[in-house]
Protein backbone atom coordinates (compact mmCIF):
# COMPACT_ATOMS: atom_id res chain seq x y z
CA MET A 1 -0.11 0.07 0.17
CA LEU A 2 1.35 3.52 -1.07
CA ILE A 3 0.30 6.12 1.08
CA GLY A 4 1.95 9.91 0.69
CA GLY A 5 5.01 8.19 -1.53
CA PHE A 6 6.00 5.71 1.58
CA SER A 7 5.34 1.93 1.27
CA VAL A 8 3.18 0.97 4.26
CA TYR A 9 2.82 -2.82 4.71
CA THR A 10 -0.07 -3.30 6.86
CA ARG A 11 0.31 -6.87 8.81
CA SER A 12 -1.71 -9.06 6.67
CA MET A 13 0.23 -8.11 4.02
CA LYS A 14 3.52 -8.95 5.72
CA LEU A 15 1.79 -12.31 6.29
CA ARG A 16 0.60 -12.82 2.91
CA TYR A 17 4.32 -11.77 1.71
CA SER A 18 6.09 -14.40 4.60
CA LYS A 19 3.39 -16.90 3.16
CA ARG A 20 4.97 -16.45 -0.27
CA ILE A 21 8.55 -16.87 0.32
CA ILE A 22 8.21 -19.73 2.84
CA LEU A 23 5.90 -21.79 -0.32
CA ILE A 24 8.43 -20.24 -3.03
CA ALA A 25 11.04 -21.74 -0.20
CA SER A 26 9.26 -24.81 0.12
CA LEU A 27 8.54 -25.62 -3.89
CA ILE A 28 12.32 -24.86 -4.65
CA ALA A 29 14.09 -27.10 -1.82
CA ILE A 30 11.66 -30.14 -2.85
CA ALA A 31 12.27 -29.78 -6.81
CA THR A 32 16.23 -29.82 -5.94
CA ALA A 33 15.96 -32.71 -3.35
CA LEU A 34 14.08 -34.18 -6.22
CA VAL A 35 17.00 -33.86 -8.53
CA ILE A 36 19.73 -34.76 -6.04
CA ILE A 37 17.63 -38.11 -6.11
CA SER A 38 17.52 -38.34 -9.62
CA VAL A 39 20.65 -38.03 -9.92
CA ALA A 40 21.81 -40.23 -7.14
CA LYS A 41 20.12 -43.46 -9.18
CA HIS A 42 21.58 -42.91 -12.17
CA VAL A 43 25.26 -41.96 -10.79
CA GLN A 44 25.85 -45.50 -8.47
CA ALA A 45 28.93 -46.67 -7.63
CA PRO A 46 29.39 -50.85 -9.27
CA GLN A 47 27.99 -52.69 -6.45
CA ASN A 48 30.55 -56.03 -7.14
CA SER A 49 33.84 -55.36 -5.06
CA GLN A 50 35.47 -57.46 -7.44
CA ASN A 51 36.32 -54.32 -10.26
CA LYS A 52 34.30 -56.51 -13.14
CA HIS A 53 30.64 -56.35 -14.62
CA LYS A 54 29.17 -58.86 -16.58
CA SER A 55 27.53 -57.75 -20.17
CA ASN A 56 26.74 -59.95 -23.27
CA ASN A 57 28.54 -62.96 -21.57
CA GLN A 58 31.84 -60.99 -21.50
CA THR A 59 33.68 -59.70 -18.56
CA ILE A 60 33.88 -55.98 -18.68
CA CYS A 61 37.32 -55.18 -16.05
CA THR A 62 37.40 -51.72 -14.65
CA MET A 63 40.05 -49.53 -16.45
CA ASP A 64 42.47 -49.61 -13.17
CA ALA A 65 46.22 -49.49 -13.86
CA LYS A 66 49.01 -50.57 -11.35
CA ILE A 67 52.58 -49.05 -11.65
CA CYS A 68 55.06 -51.86 -11.52
CA PRO A 69 58.67 -50.89 -9.58
CA ASP A 70 60.43 -50.63 -13.46
CA GLY A 71 57.61 -47.44 -14.00
CA SER A 72 55.29 -49.08 -15.89
CA SER A 73 52.07 -50.01 -15.91
CA VAL A 74 49.71 -53.02 -16.10
CA GLY A 75 45.96 -53.10 -16.47
CA ARG A 76 43.45 -55.84 -15.44
CA SER A 77 42.29 -58.22 -17.47
CA GLY A 78 40.52 -61.68 -17.80
CA PRO A 79 37.67 -63.54 -16.38
CA ASP A 80 38.74 -62.88 -12.70
CA CYS A 81 39.64 -58.68 -13.47
CA GLU A 82 43.23 -59.25 -12.15
CA PHE A 83 46.30 -57.34 -12.76
CA GLU A 84 48.36 -58.39 -15.28
CA PRO A 85 51.98 -59.19 -13.57
CA CYS A 86 54.74 -56.99 -14.30
CA PRO A 87 57.60 -57.02 -16.31
CA GLY A 88 59.99 -59.42 -15.19
CA GLU A 89 57.35 -61.07 -12.92
CA GLN A 90 55.94 -64.51 -12.20
CA PRO A 91 52.48 -64.83 -13.46
CA SER A 92 50.82 -65.63 -9.84
CA ASN A 93 48.58 -69.05 -10.04
CA LYS A 94 45.65 -68.30 -7.59
CA GLN A 95 42.91 -70.16 -7.39
């Protein structure tokens, strides 16, 4: 309400304004929570602890790299997604 060039808020106007602010803030909070939940469902860490994933009867290993003592690196391979032996290292026969 404008009286004599000054803005005067009555008690009921302040109450309505406060309710609008609370409603808008609540809607923003709910929308933000829904976005976070939606994104979290699509960006989950793999549930298996063996660093592998089965797809079409093929094993897909993670792209981890192991740094060998000589400075070279080796990746995972095989059905168990184990690291390849480093150059000059004997392959291990774990079973």
